PDB file of N, CA and C in Angstrom:
ATOM      1  N   MET A   1     -14.618  42.525 -30.450  1.00  0.00           N
ATOM      2  CA  MET A   1     -13.422  42.985 -29.793  1.00  0.00           C
ATOM      3  C   MET A   1     -13.579  44.424 -29.331  1.00  0.00           C
ATOM      4  N   ASP A   2     -14.313  45.207 -30.086  1.00  0.00           N
ATOM      5  CA  ASP A   2     -14.514  46.604 -29.724  1.00  0.00           C
ATOM      6  C   ASP A   2     -15.330  46.723 -28.440  1.00  0.00           C
ATOM      7  N   SER A   3     -16.281  45.824 -28.240  1.00  0.00           N
ATOM      8  CA  SER A   3     -17.089  45.872 -27.025  1.00  0.00           C
ATOM      9  C   SER A   3     -16.265  45.500 -25.792  1.00  0.00           C
ATOM     10  N   ILE A   4     -15.296  44.599 -25.961  1.00  0.00           N
ATOM     11  CA  ILE A   4     -14.434  44.224 -24.834  1.00  0.00           C
ATOM     12  C   ILE A   4     -13.546  45.389 -24.434  1.00  0.00           C
ATOM     13  N   SER A   5     -12.950  46.054 -25.418  1.00  0.00           N
ATOM     14  CA  SER A   5     -12.098  47.204 -25.091  1.00  0.00           C
ATOM     15  C   SER A   5     -12.918  48.339 -24.502  1.00  0.00           C
ATOM     16  N   SER A   6     -14.147  48.494 -24.962  1.00  0.00           N
ATOM     17  CA  SER A   6     -15.025  49.506 -24.380  1.00  0.00           C
ATOM     18  C   SER A   6     -15.377  49.160 -22.940  1.00  0.00           C
ATOM     19  N   LEU A   7     -15.608  47.883 -22.664  1.00  0.00           N
ATOM     20  CA  LEU A   7     -15.902  47.439 -21.303  1.00  0.00           C
ATOM     21  C   LEU A   7     -14.711  47.672 -20.378  1.00  0.00           C
ATOM     22  N   VAL A   8     -13.508  47.323 -20.836  1.00  0.00           N
ATOM     23  CA  VAL A   8     -12.304  47.517 -20.032  1.00  0.00           C
ATOM     24  C   VAL A   8     -12.073  49.003 -19.782  1.00  0.00           C
ATOM     25  N   ASP A   9     -12.277  49.820 -20.793  1.00  0.00           N
ATOM     26  CA  ASP A   9     -12.118  51.268 -20.641  1.00  0.00           C
ATOM     27  C   ASP A   9     -13.126  51.815 -19.643  1.00  0.00           C
ATOM     28  N   ASN A  10     -14.366  51.360 -19.724  1.00  0.00           N
ATOM     29  CA  ASN A  10     -15.394  51.829 -18.782  1.00  0.00           C
ATOM     30  C   ASN A  10     -15.109  51.375 -17.356  1.00  0.00           C
ATOM     31  N   ILE A  11     -14.614  50.157 -17.196  1.00  0.00           N
ATOM     32  CA  ILE A  11     -14.276  49.683 -15.849  1.00  0.00           C
ATOM     33  C   ILE A  11     -13.159  50.527 -15.259  1.00  0.00           C
ATOM     34  N   ALA A  12     -12.134  50.819 -16.041  1.00  0.00           N
ATOM     35  CA  ALA A  12     -11.025  51.637 -15.551  1.00  0.00           C
ATOM     36  C   ALA A  12     -11.489  53.053 -15.232  1.00  0.00           C
ATOM     37  N   THR A  13     -12.335  53.625 -16.081  1.00  0.00           N
ATOM     38  CA  THR A  13     -12.776  55.002 -15.905  1.00  0.00           C
ATOM     39  C   THR A  13     -13.804  55.139 -14.791  1.00  0.00           C
ATOM     40  N   VAL A  14     -14.749  54.216 -14.727  1.00  0.00           N
ATOM     41  CA  VAL A  14     -15.868  54.355 -13.798  1.00  0.00           C
ATOM     42  C   VAL A  14     -15.592  53.697 -12.449  1.00  0.00           C
ATOM     43  N   LEU A  15     -14.805  52.648 -12.402  1.00  0.00           N
ATOM     44  CA  LEU A  15     -14.636  51.902 -11.164  1.00  0.00           C
ATOM     45  C   LEU A  15     -13.247  52.068 -10.539  1.00  0.00           C
ATOM     46  N   ILE A  16     -12.203  51.779 -11.278  1.00  0.00           N
ATOM     47  CA  ILE A  16     -10.863  51.725 -10.704  1.00  0.00           C
ATOM     48  C   ILE A  16     -10.343  53.112 -10.324  1.00  0.00           C
ATOM     49  N   ASN A  17     -10.403  54.071 -11.234  1.00  0.00           N
ATOM     50  CA  ASN A  17      -9.874  55.408 -10.942  1.00  0.00           C
ATOM     51  C   ASN A  17     -10.589  56.082  -9.768  1.00  0.00           C
ATOM     52  N   PRO A  18     -11.925  56.087  -9.710  1.00  0.00           N
ATOM     53  CA  PRO A  18     -12.562  56.689  -8.530  1.00  0.00           C
ATOM     54  C   PRO A  18     -12.259  55.937  -7.227  1.00  0.00           C
ATOM     55  N   LEU A  19     -12.118  54.612  -7.307  1.00  0.00           N
ATOM     56  CA  LEU A  19     -11.793  53.841  -6.115  1.00  0.00           C
ATOM     57  C   LEU A  19     -10.396  54.199  -5.603  1.00  0.00           C
ATOM     58  N   LEU A  20      -9.430  54.326  -6.511  1.00  0.00           N
ATOM     59  CA  LEU A  20      -8.088  54.731  -6.107  1.00  0.00           C
ATOM     60  C   LEU A  20      -8.092  56.138  -5.521  1.00  0.00           C
ATOM     61  N   LEU A  21      -8.864  57.030  -6.103  1.00  0.00           N
ATOM     62  CA  LEU A  21      -8.963  58.395  -5.582  1.00  0.00           C
ATOM     63  C   LEU A  21      -9.599  58.406  -4.198  1.00  0.00           C
ATOM     64  N   LEU A  22     -10.628  57.612  -3.997  1.00  0.00           N
ATOM     65  CA  LEU A  22     -11.279  57.534  -2.690  1.00  0.00           C
ATOM     66  C   LEU A  22     -10.328  56.993  -1.629  1.00  0.00           C
ATOM     67  N   LEU A  23      -9.598  55.944  -1.949  1.00  0.00           N
ATOM     68  CA  LEU A  23      -8.658  55.377  -0.990  1.00  0.00           C
ATOM     69  C   LEU A  23      -7.502  56.329  -0.706  1.00  0.00           C
ATOM     70  N   PHE A  24      -7.070  57.096  -1.714  1.00  0.00           N
ATOM     71  CA  PHE A  24      -6.051  58.119  -1.483  1.00  0.00           C
ATOM     72  C   PHE A  24      -6.587  59.183  -0.527  1.00  0.00           C
ATOM     73  N   ALA A  25      -7.839  59.587  -0.711  1.00  0.00           N
ATOM     74  CA  ALA A  25      -8.444  60.593   0.172  1.00  0.00           C
ATOM     75  C   ALA A  25      -8.554  60.061   1.602  1.00  0.00           C
ATOM     76  N   VAL A  26      -8.856  58.783   1.763  1.00  0.00           N
ATOM     77  CA  VAL A  26      -8.905  58.193   3.106  1.00  0.00           C
ATOM     78  C   VAL A  26      -7.522  58.237   3.743  1.00  0.00           C
ATOM     79  N   GLY A  27      -6.484  57.914   2.989  1.00  0.00           N
ATOM     80  CA  GLY A  27      -5.122  57.991   3.506  1.00  0.00           C
ATOM     81  C   GLY A  27      -4.748  59.408   3.905  1.00  0.00           C
ATOM     82  N   LEU A  28      -5.182  60.384   3.108  1.00  0.00           N
ATOM     83  CA  LEU A  28      -4.923  61.787   3.436  1.00  0.00           C
ATOM     84  C   LEU A  28      -5.641  62.187   4.720  1.00  0.00           C
ATOM     85  N   LEU A  29      -6.879  61.749   4.884  1.00  0.00           N
ATOM     86  CA  LEU A  29      -7.619  62.064   6.110  1.00  0.00           C
ATOM     87  C   LEU A  29      -6.980  61.421   7.340  1.00  0.00           C
ATOM     88  N   VAL A  30      -6.487  60.192   7.211  1.00  0.00           N
ATOM     89  CA  VAL A  30      -5.800  59.538   8.328  1.00  0.00           C
ATOM     90  C   VAL A  30      -4.526  60.300   8.678  1.00  0.00           C
ATOM     91  N   PHE A  31      -3.805  60.761   7.663  1.00  0.00           N
ATOM     92  CA  PHE A  31      -2.589  61.537   7.894  1.00  0.00           C
ATOM     93  C   PHE A  31      -2.906  62.847   8.610  1.00  0.00           C
ATOM     94  N   ILE A  32      -3.924  63.559   8.156  1.00  0.00           N
ATOM     95  CA  ILE A  32      -4.309  64.827   8.788  1.00  0.00           C
ATOM     96  C   ILE A  32      -4.795  64.583  10.216  1.00  0.00           C
ATOM     97  N   PHE A  33      -5.553  63.517  10.433  1.00  0.00           N
ATOM     98  CA  PHE A  33      -5.989  63.171  11.780  1.00  0.00           C
ATOM     99  C   PHE A  33      -4.789  62.904  12.693  1.00  0.00           C
ATOM    100  N   GLY A  34      -3.769  62.239  12.167  1.00  0.00           N
ATOM    101  CA  GLY A  34      -2.564  61.978  12.940  1.00  0.00           C
ATOM    102  C   GLY A  34      -1.830  63.259  13.307  1.00  0.00           C
ATOM    103  N   ILE A  35      -1.783  64.209  12.374  1.00  0.00           N
ATOM    104  CA  ILE A  35      -1.150  65.503  12.668  1.00  0.00           C
ATOM    105  C   ILE A  35      -1.901  66.214  13.784  1.00  0.00           C
ATOM    106  N   VAL A  36      -3.212  66.259  13.682  1.00  0.00           N
ATOM    107  CA  VAL A  36      -4.024  66.931  14.704  1.00  0.00           C
ATOM    108  C   VAL A  36      -3.860  66.232  16.048  1.00  0.00           C
ATOM    109  N   GLU A  37      -3.896  64.909  16.046  1.00  0.00           N
ATOM    110  CA  GLU A  37      -3.746  64.154  17.290  1.00  0.00           C
ATOM    111  C   GLU A  37      -2.366  64.381  17.908  1.00  0.00           C
ATOM    112  N   PHE A  38      -1.342  64.397  17.081  1.00  0.00           N
ATOM    113  CA  PHE A  38       0.021  64.623  17.562  1.00  0.00           C
ATOM    114  C   PHE A  38       0.155  66.020  18.171  1.00  0.00           C
ATOM    115  N   LEU A  39      -0.326  67.031  17.453  1.00  0.00           N
ATOM    116  CA  LEU A  39      -0.204  68.406  17.949  1.00  0.00           C
ATOM    117  C   LEU A  39      -1.063  68.645  19.182  1.00  0.00           C
ATOM    118  N   PHE A  40      -2.213  68.030  19.258  1.00  0.00           N
ATOM    119  CA  PHE A  40      -3.099  68.207  20.412  1.00  0.00           C
ATOM    120  C   PHE A  40      -2.467  67.647  21.679  1.00  0.00           C
ATOM    121  N   ASN A  41      -1.776  66.522  21.575  1.00  0.00           N
ATOM    122  CA  ASN A  41      -1.178  65.878  22.740  1.00  0.00           C
ATOM    123  C   ASN A  41       0.260  66.298  22.996  1.00  0.00           C
ATOM    124  N   LEU A  42       0.804  67.202  22.190  1.00  0.00           N
ATOM    125  CA  LEU A  42       2.192  67.592  22.314  1.00  0.00           C
ATOM    126  C   LEU A  42       2.462  68.367  23.605  1.00  0.00           C
ATOM    127  N   ASN A  43       1.567  69.261  23.979  1.00  0.00           N
ATOM    128  CA  ASN A  43       1.778  70.106  25.148  1.00  0.00           C
ATOM    129  C   ASN A  43       1.328  69.458  26.450  1.00  0.00           C
ATOM    130  N   LYS A  44       0.661  68.340  26.394  1.00  0.00           N
ATOM    131  CA  LYS A  44       0.179  67.687  27.611  1.00  0.00           C
ATOM    132  C   LYS A  44       1.260  66.766  28.149  1.00  0.00           C
ATOM    133  N   SER A  45       1.608  66.970  29.400  1.00  0.00           N
ATOM    134  CA  SER A  45       2.630  66.113  30.001  1.00  0.00           C
ATOM    135  C   SER A  45       2.019  64.744  30.326  1.00  0.00           C
ATOM    136  N   GLY A  46       2.779  63.709  30.100  1.00  0.00           N
ATOM    137  CA  GLY A  46       2.311  62.355  30.381  1.00  0.00           C
ATOM    138  C   GLY A  46       1.399  61.784  29.315  1.00  0.00           C
ATOM    139  N   LYS A  47       1.319  62.409  28.151  1.00  0.00           N
ATOM    140  CA  LYS A  47       0.449  61.930  27.074  1.00  0.00           C
ATOM    141  C   LYS A  47       1.279  61.336  25.936  1.00  0.00           C
ATOM    142  N   SER A  48       2.293  60.546  26.283  1.00  0.00           N
ATOM    143  CA  SER A  48       3.116  59.955  25.232  1.00  0.00           C
ATOM    144  C   SER A  48       2.329  58.941  24.406  1.00  0.00           C
ATOM    145  N   VAL A  49       1.257  58.395  24.990  1.00  0.00           N
ATOM    146  CA  VAL A  49       0.419  57.451  24.243  1.00  0.00           C
ATOM    147  C   VAL A  49      -0.276  58.178  23.090  1.00  0.00           C
ATOM    148  N   GLY A  50      -0.781  59.382  23.349  1.00  0.00           N
ATOM    149  CA  GLY A  50      -1.437  60.164  22.298  1.00  0.00           C
ATOM    150  C   GLY A  50      -0.466  60.608  21.226  1.00  0.00           C
ATOM    151  N   ILE A  51       0.768  60.950  21.636  1.00  0.00           N
ATOM    152  CA  ILE A  51       1.784  61.351  20.665  1.00  0.00           C
ATOM    153  C   ILE A  51       2.164  60.164  19.787  1.00  0.00           C
ATOM    154  N   ASP A  52       2.362  59.003  20.410  1.00  0.00           N
ATOM    155  CA  ASP A  52       2.704  57.797  19.637  1.00  0.00           C
ATOM    156  C   ASP A  52       1.572  57.404  18.693  1.00  0.00           C
ATOM    157  N   SER A  53       0.340  57.554  19.158  1.00  0.00           N
ATOM    158  CA  SER A  53      -0.806  57.241  18.304  1.00  0.00           C
ATOM    159  C   SER A  53      -0.869  58.191  17.110  1.00  0.00           C
ATOM    160  N   GLY A  54      -0.586  59.466  17.344  1.00  0.00           N
ATOM    161  CA  GLY A  54      -0.556  60.434  16.245  1.00  0.00           C
ATOM    162  C   GLY A  54       0.522  60.111  15.236  1.00  0.00           C
ATOM    163  N   ARG A  55       1.700  59.712  15.733  1.00  0.00           N
ATOM    164  CA  ARG A  55       2.792  59.323  14.825  1.00  0.00           C
ATOM    165  C   ARG A  55       2.400  58.108  13.987  1.00  0.00           C
ATOM    166  N   LYS A  56       1.739  57.143  14.613  1.00  0.00           N
ATOM    167  CA  LYS A  56       1.316  55.951  13.874  1.00  0.00           C
ATOM    168  C   LYS A  56       0.291  56.299  12.805  1.00  0.00           C
ATOM    169  N   HIS A  57      -0.654  57.188  13.144  1.00  0.00           N
ATOM    170  CA  HIS A  57      -1.651  57.593  12.143  1.00  0.00           C
ATOM    171  C   HIS A  57      -0.986  58.328  10.981  1.00  0.00           C
ATOM    172  N   MET A  58      -0.025  59.203  11.287  1.00  0.00           N
ATOM    173  CA  MET A  58       0.678  59.905  10.208  1.00  0.00           C
ATOM    174  C   MET A  58       1.442  58.921   9.333  1.00  0.00           C
ATOM    175  N   PHE A  59       2.122  57.966   9.957  1.00  0.00           N
ATOM    176  CA  PHE A  59       2.896  56.983   9.197  1.00  0.00           C
ATOM    177  C   PHE A  59       2.002  56.159   8.279  1.00  0.00           C
ATOM    178  N   TRP A  60       0.909  55.615   8.829  1.00  0.00           N
ATOM    179  CA  TRP A  60       0.050  54.752   8.013  1.00  0.00           C
ATOM    180  C   TRP A  60      -0.726  55.551   6.974  1.00  0.00           C
ATOM    181  N   GLY A  61      -1.005  56.823   7.259  1.00  0.00           N
ATOM    182  CA  GLY A  61      -1.612  57.676   6.238  1.00  0.00           C
ATOM    183  C   GLY A  61      -0.677  57.878   5.067  1.00  0.00           C
ATOM    184  N   LEU A  62       0.610  58.120   5.354  1.00  0.00           N
ATOM    185  CA  LEU A  62       1.598  58.260   4.281  1.00  0.00           C
ATOM    186  C   LEU A  62       1.768  56.957   3.504  1.00  0.00           C
ATOM    187  N   VAL A  63       1.792  55.842   4.209  1.00  0.00           N
ATOM    188  CA  VAL A  63       1.913  54.541   3.537  1.00  0.00           C
ATOM    189  C   VAL A  63       0.713  54.314   2.610  1.00  0.00           C
ATOM    190  N   GLY A  64      -0.484  54.627   3.100  1.00  0.00           N
ATOM    191  CA  GLY A  64      -1.679  54.453   2.278  1.00  0.00           C
ATOM    192  C   GLY A  64      -1.659  55.328   1.031  1.00  0.00           C
ATOM    193  N   MET A  65      -1.240  56.589   1.184  1.00  0.00           N
ATOM    194  CA  MET A  65      -1.170  57.473   0.023  1.00  0.00           C
ATOM    195  C   MET A  65      -0.112  56.987  -0.965  1.00  0.00           C
ATOM    196  N   PHE A  66       1.023  56.515  -0.463  1.00  0.00           N
ATOM    197  CA  PHE A  66       2.069  55.990  -1.340  1.00  0.00           C
ATOM    198  C   PHE A  66       1.574  54.775  -2.116  1.00  0.00           C
ATOM    199  N   VAL A  67       0.871  53.882  -1.450  1.00  0.00           N
ATOM    200  CA  VAL A  67       0.363  52.676  -2.110  1.00  0.00           C
ATOM    201  C   VAL A  67      -0.637  53.048  -3.204  1.00  0.00           C
ATOM    202  N   MET A  68      -1.499  54.036  -2.950  1.00  0.00           N
ATOM    203  CA  MET A  68      -2.489  54.424  -3.958  1.00  0.00           C
ATOM    204  C   MET A  68      -1.827  55.089  -5.165  1.00  0.00           C
ATOM    205  N   VAL A  69      -0.809  55.916  -4.928  1.00  0.00           N
ATOM    206  CA  VAL A  69      -0.082  56.521  -6.051  1.00  0.00           C
ATOM    207  C   VAL A  69       0.643  55.436  -6.845  1.00  0.00           C
ATOM    208  N   ALA A  70       1.235  54.472  -6.143  1.00  0.00           N
ATOM    209  CA  ALA A  70       1.913  53.376  -6.830  1.00  0.00           C
ATOM    210  C   ALA A  70       0.923  52.530  -7.637  1.00  0.00           C
ATOM    211  N   ALA A  71      -0.258  52.280  -7.079  1.00  0.00           N
ATOM    212  CA  ALA A  71      -1.269  51.505  -7.811  1.00  0.00           C
ATOM    213  C   ALA A  71      -1.725  52.251  -9.064  1.00  0.00           C
ATOM    214  N   TYR A  72      -1.893  53.568  -8.954  1.00  0.00           N
ATOM    215  CA  TYR A  72      -2.285  54.362 -10.115  1.00  0.00           C
ATOM    216  C   TYR A  72      -1.186  54.328 -11.179  1.00  0.00           C
ATOM    217  N   ALA A  73       0.071  54.382 -10.737  1.00  0.00           N
ATOM    218  CA  ALA A  73       1.185  54.309 -11.682  1.00  0.00           C
ATOM    219  C   ALA A  73       1.246  52.940 -12.348  1.00  0.00           C
ATOM    220  N   ILE A  74       1.002  51.888 -11.597  1.00  0.00           N
ATOM    221  CA  ILE A  74       1.026  50.539 -12.168  1.00  0.00           C
ATOM    222  C   ILE A  74      -0.082  50.373 -13.200  1.00  0.00           C
ATOM    223  N   VAL A  75      -1.261  50.896 -12.899  1.00  0.00           N
ATOM    224  CA  VAL A  75      -2.356  50.845 -13.877  1.00  0.00           C
ATOM    225  C   VAL A  75      -1.966  51.617 -15.129  1.00  0.00           C
ATOM    226  N   GLY A  76      -1.344  52.779 -14.958  1.00  0.00           N
ATOM    227  CA  GLY A  76      -0.900  53.566 -16.115  1.00  0.00           C
ATOM    228  C   GLY A  76       0.150  52.855 -16.935  1.00  0.00           C
ATOM    229  N   ILE A  77       1.084  52.187 -16.269  1.00  0.00           N
ATOM    230  CA  ILE A  77       2.113  51.439 -16.983  1.00  0.00           C
ATOM    231  C   ILE A  77       1.490  50.291 -17.762  1.00  0.00           C
ATOM    232  N   ILE A  78       0.554  49.592 -17.154  1.00  0.00           N
ATOM    233  CA  ILE A  78      -0.101  48.476 -17.845  1.00  0.00           C
ATOM    234  C   ILE A  78      -0.880  48.965 -19.053  1.00  0.00           C
ATOM    235  N   VAL A  79      -1.616  50.069 -18.880  1.00  0.00           N
ATOM    236  CA  VAL A  79      -2.406  50.598 -19.997  1.00  0.00           C
ATOM    237  C   VAL A  79      -1.498  51.069 -21.125  1.00  0.00           C
ATOM    238  N   ASN A  80      -0.372  51.703 -20.787  1.00  0.00           N
ATOM    239  CA  ASN A  80       0.523  52.207 -21.822  1.00  0.00           C
ATOM    240  C   ASN A  80       1.397  51.121 -22.429  1.00  0.00           C
ATOM    241  N   THR A  81       1.625  50.021 -21.712  1.00  0.00           N
ATOM    242  CA  THR A  81       2.441  48.931 -22.242  1.00  0.00           C
ATOM    243  C   THR A  81       1.625  47.997 -23.131  1.00  0.00           C
ATOM    244  N   PHE A  82       0.416  47.693 -22.711  1.00  0.00           N
ATOM    245  CA  PHE A  82      -0.456  46.787 -23.462  1.00  0.00           C
ATOM    246  C   PHE A  82      -1.705  47.544 -23.897  1.00  0.00           C
ATOM    247  N   PRO A  83      -1.588  48.412 -24.894  1.00  0.00           N
ATOM    248  CA  PRO A  83      -2.765  49.195 -25.296  1.00  0.00           C
ATOM    249  C   PRO A  83      -3.822  48.311 -25.946  1.00  0.00           C
ATOM    250  N   LEU A  84      -5.040  48.516 -25.519  1.00  0.00           N
ATOM    251  CA  LEU A  84      -6.164  47.817 -26.127  1.00  0.00           C
ATOM    252  C   LEU A  84      -6.715  48.659 -27.272  1.00  0.00           C
ATOM    253  N   PRO A  85      -7.258  48.023 -28.300  1.00  0.00           N
ATOM    254  CA  PRO A  85      -7.854  48.813 -29.370  1.00  0.00           C
ATOM    255  C   PRO A  85      -9.021  49.645 -28.830  1.00  0.00           C
ATOM    256  N   GLY A  86      -8.982  50.921 -29.075  1.00  0.00           N
ATOM    257  CA  GLY A  86     -10.047  51.801 -28.624  1.00  0.00           C
ATOM    258  C   GLY A  86      -9.854  52.340 -27.231  1.00  0.00           C
ATOM    259  N   ALA A  87      -8.817  51.888 -26.510  1.00  0.00           N
ATOM    260  CA  ALA A  87      -8.553  52.389 -25.157  1.00  0.00           C
ATOM    261  C   ALA A  87      -7.826  53.721 -25.249  1.00  0.00           C
ATOM    262  N   PRO A  88      -7.958  54.566 -24.237  1.00  0.00           N
ATOM    263  CA  PRO A  88      -7.250  55.836 -24.273  1.00  0.00           C
ATOM    264  C   PRO A  88      -5.743  55.613 -24.259  1.00  0.00           C
ATOM    265  N   ALA A  89      -5.014  56.554 -24.832  1.00  0.00           N
ATOM    266  CA  ALA A  89      -3.567  56.399 -24.955  1.00  0.00           C
ATOM    267  C   ALA A  89      -2.857  56.574 -23.622  1.00  0.00           C
ATOM    268  N   SER A  90      -3.445  57.321 -22.696  1.00  0.00           N
ATOM    269  CA  SER A  90      -2.802  57.520 -21.404  1.00  0.00           C
ATOM    270  C   SER A  90      -3.858  57.796 -20.357  1.00  0.00           C
ATOM    271  N   LEU A  91      -3.427  57.913 -19.115  1.00  0.00           N
ATOM    272  CA  LEU A  91      -4.331  58.191 -18.010  1.00  0.00           C
ATOM    273  C   LEU A  91      -4.262  59.652 -17.581  1.00  0.00           C
ATOM    274  N   CYS A  92      -3.946  60.552 -18.496  1.00  0.00           N
ATOM    275  CA  CYS A  92      -3.862  61.968 -18.162  1.00  0.00           C
ATOM    276  C   CYS A  92      -5.249  62.481 -17.795  1.00  0.00           C
ATOM    277  N   PRO A  93      -5.348  63.272 -16.711  1.00  0.00           N
ATOM    278  CA  PRO A  93      -6.660  63.774 -16.302  1.00  0.00           C
ATOM    279  C   PRO A  93      -7.204  64.804 -17.272  1.00  0.00           C
ATOM    280  N   GLY A  94      -8.502  64.798 -17.425  1.00  0.00           N
ATOM    281  CA  GLY A  94      -9.162  65.791 -18.278  1.00  0.00           C
ATOM    282  C   GLY A  94      -8.760  65.639 -19.723  1.00  0.00           C
ATOM    283  N   ASP A  95      -8.558  66.774 -20.370  1.00  0.00           N
ATOM    284  CA  ASP A  95      -8.189  66.786 -21.785  1.00  0.00           C
ATOM    285  C   ASP A  95      -6.713  67.068 -21.993  1.00  0.00           C
ATOM    286  N   LEU A  96      -5.880  66.852 -20.960  1.00  0.00           N
ATOM    287  CA  LEU A  96      -4.462  67.132 -21.097  1.00  0.00           C
ATOM    288  C   LEU A  96      -3.809  66.112 -22.012  1.00  0.00           C
ATOM    289  N   PRO A  97      -3.027  66.573 -22.972  1.00  0.00           N
ATOM    290  CA  PRO A  97      -2.334  65.625 -23.840  1.00  0.00           C
ATOM    291  C   PRO A  97      -1.106  65.070 -23.128  1.00  0.00           C
ATOM    292  N   PRO A  98      -0.717  63.831 -23.454  1.00  0.00           N
ATOM    293  CA  PRO A  98       0.504  63.304 -22.851  1.00  0.00           C
ATOM    294  C   PRO A  98       1.724  64.036 -23.388  1.00  0.00           C
ATOM    295  N   GLY A  99       2.710  64.206 -22.538  1.00  0.00           N
ATOM    296  CA  GLY A  99       3.947  64.883 -22.914  1.00  0.00           C
ATOM    297  C   GLY A  99       4.927  63.898 -23.512  1.00  0.00           C
ATOM    298  N   PRO A 100       6.222  64.246 -23.483  1.00  0.00           N
ATOM    299  CA  PRO A 100       7.240  63.349 -24.033  1.00  0.00           C
ATOM    300  C   PRO A 100       7.270  62.030 -23.275  1.00  0.00           C
ATOM    301  N   GLY A 101       7.348  60.951 -23.997  1.00  0.00           N
ATOM    302  CA  GLY A 101       7.391  59.628 -23.392  1.00  0.00           C
ATOM    303  C   GLY A 101       6.050  59.149 -22.860  1.00  0.00           C
ATOM    304  N   GLY A 102       4.949  59.849 -23.185  1.00  0.00           N
ATOM    305  CA  GLY A 102       3.631  59.455 -22.742  1.00  0.00           C
ATOM    306  C   GLY A 102       3.299  59.874 -21.329  1.00  0.00           C
ATOM    307  N   VAL A 103       4.161  60.701 -20.707  1.00  0.00           N
ATOM    308  CA  VAL A 103       3.938  61.150 -19.344  1.00  0.00           C
ATOM    309  C   VAL A 103       3.031  62.374 -19.378  1.00  0.00           C
ATOM    310  N   CYS A 104       2.097  62.449 -18.426  1.00  0.00           N
ATOM    311  CA  CYS A 104       1.189  63.605 -18.352  1.00  0.00           C
ATOM    312  C   CYS A 104       2.000  64.860 -18.091  1.00  0.00           C
ATOM    313  N   SER A 105       1.796  65.869 -18.920  1.00  0.00           N
ATOM    314  CA  SER A 105       2.619  67.072 -18.821  1.00  0.00           C
ATOM    315  C   SER A 105       2.037  68.094 -17.863  1.00  0.00           C
ATOM    316  N   GLY A 106       0.799  67.983 -17.464  1.00  0.00           N
ATOM    317  CA  GLY A 106       0.200  68.957 -16.564  1.00  0.00           C
ATOM    318  C   GLY A 106      -0.111  70.264 -17.232  1.00  0.00           C
ATOM    319  N   GLY A 107      -0.173  70.274 -18.549  1.00  0.00           N
ATOM    320  CA  GLY A 107      -0.507  71.492 -19.288  1.00  0.00           C
ATOM    321  C   GLY A 107       0.669  72.402 -19.527  1.00  0.00           C
ATOM    322  N   ILE A 108       1.877  71.970 -19.178  1.00  0.00           N
ATOM    323  CA  ILE A 108       3.047  72.811 -19.374  1.00  0.00           C
ATOM    324  C   ILE A 108       3.688  72.485 -20.692  1.00  0.00           C
TER     325      ILE A 108
END
């Protein structure tokens, strides 16, 4: 049983968390690209297509970042609701201890 909990912990630490972080970074880059595209085409007359494209990139970048934060929260809720023997008590980054209610306190 200890090897199974170690495997699940390693999968969450090595695979799931970095994948969620990477996808969040992609969403952030799409959002920033949309801002740049929107601002670049703002002063050009007759470039409503570029402005609309920038708005769409900003919207989908925000949606992507929201989905990744929600997925990270869902993983945290599952880990804290169904603790495995030997699994970490929370998903707090680094060595930060969980605050009241098991929520990451951010060192405050």
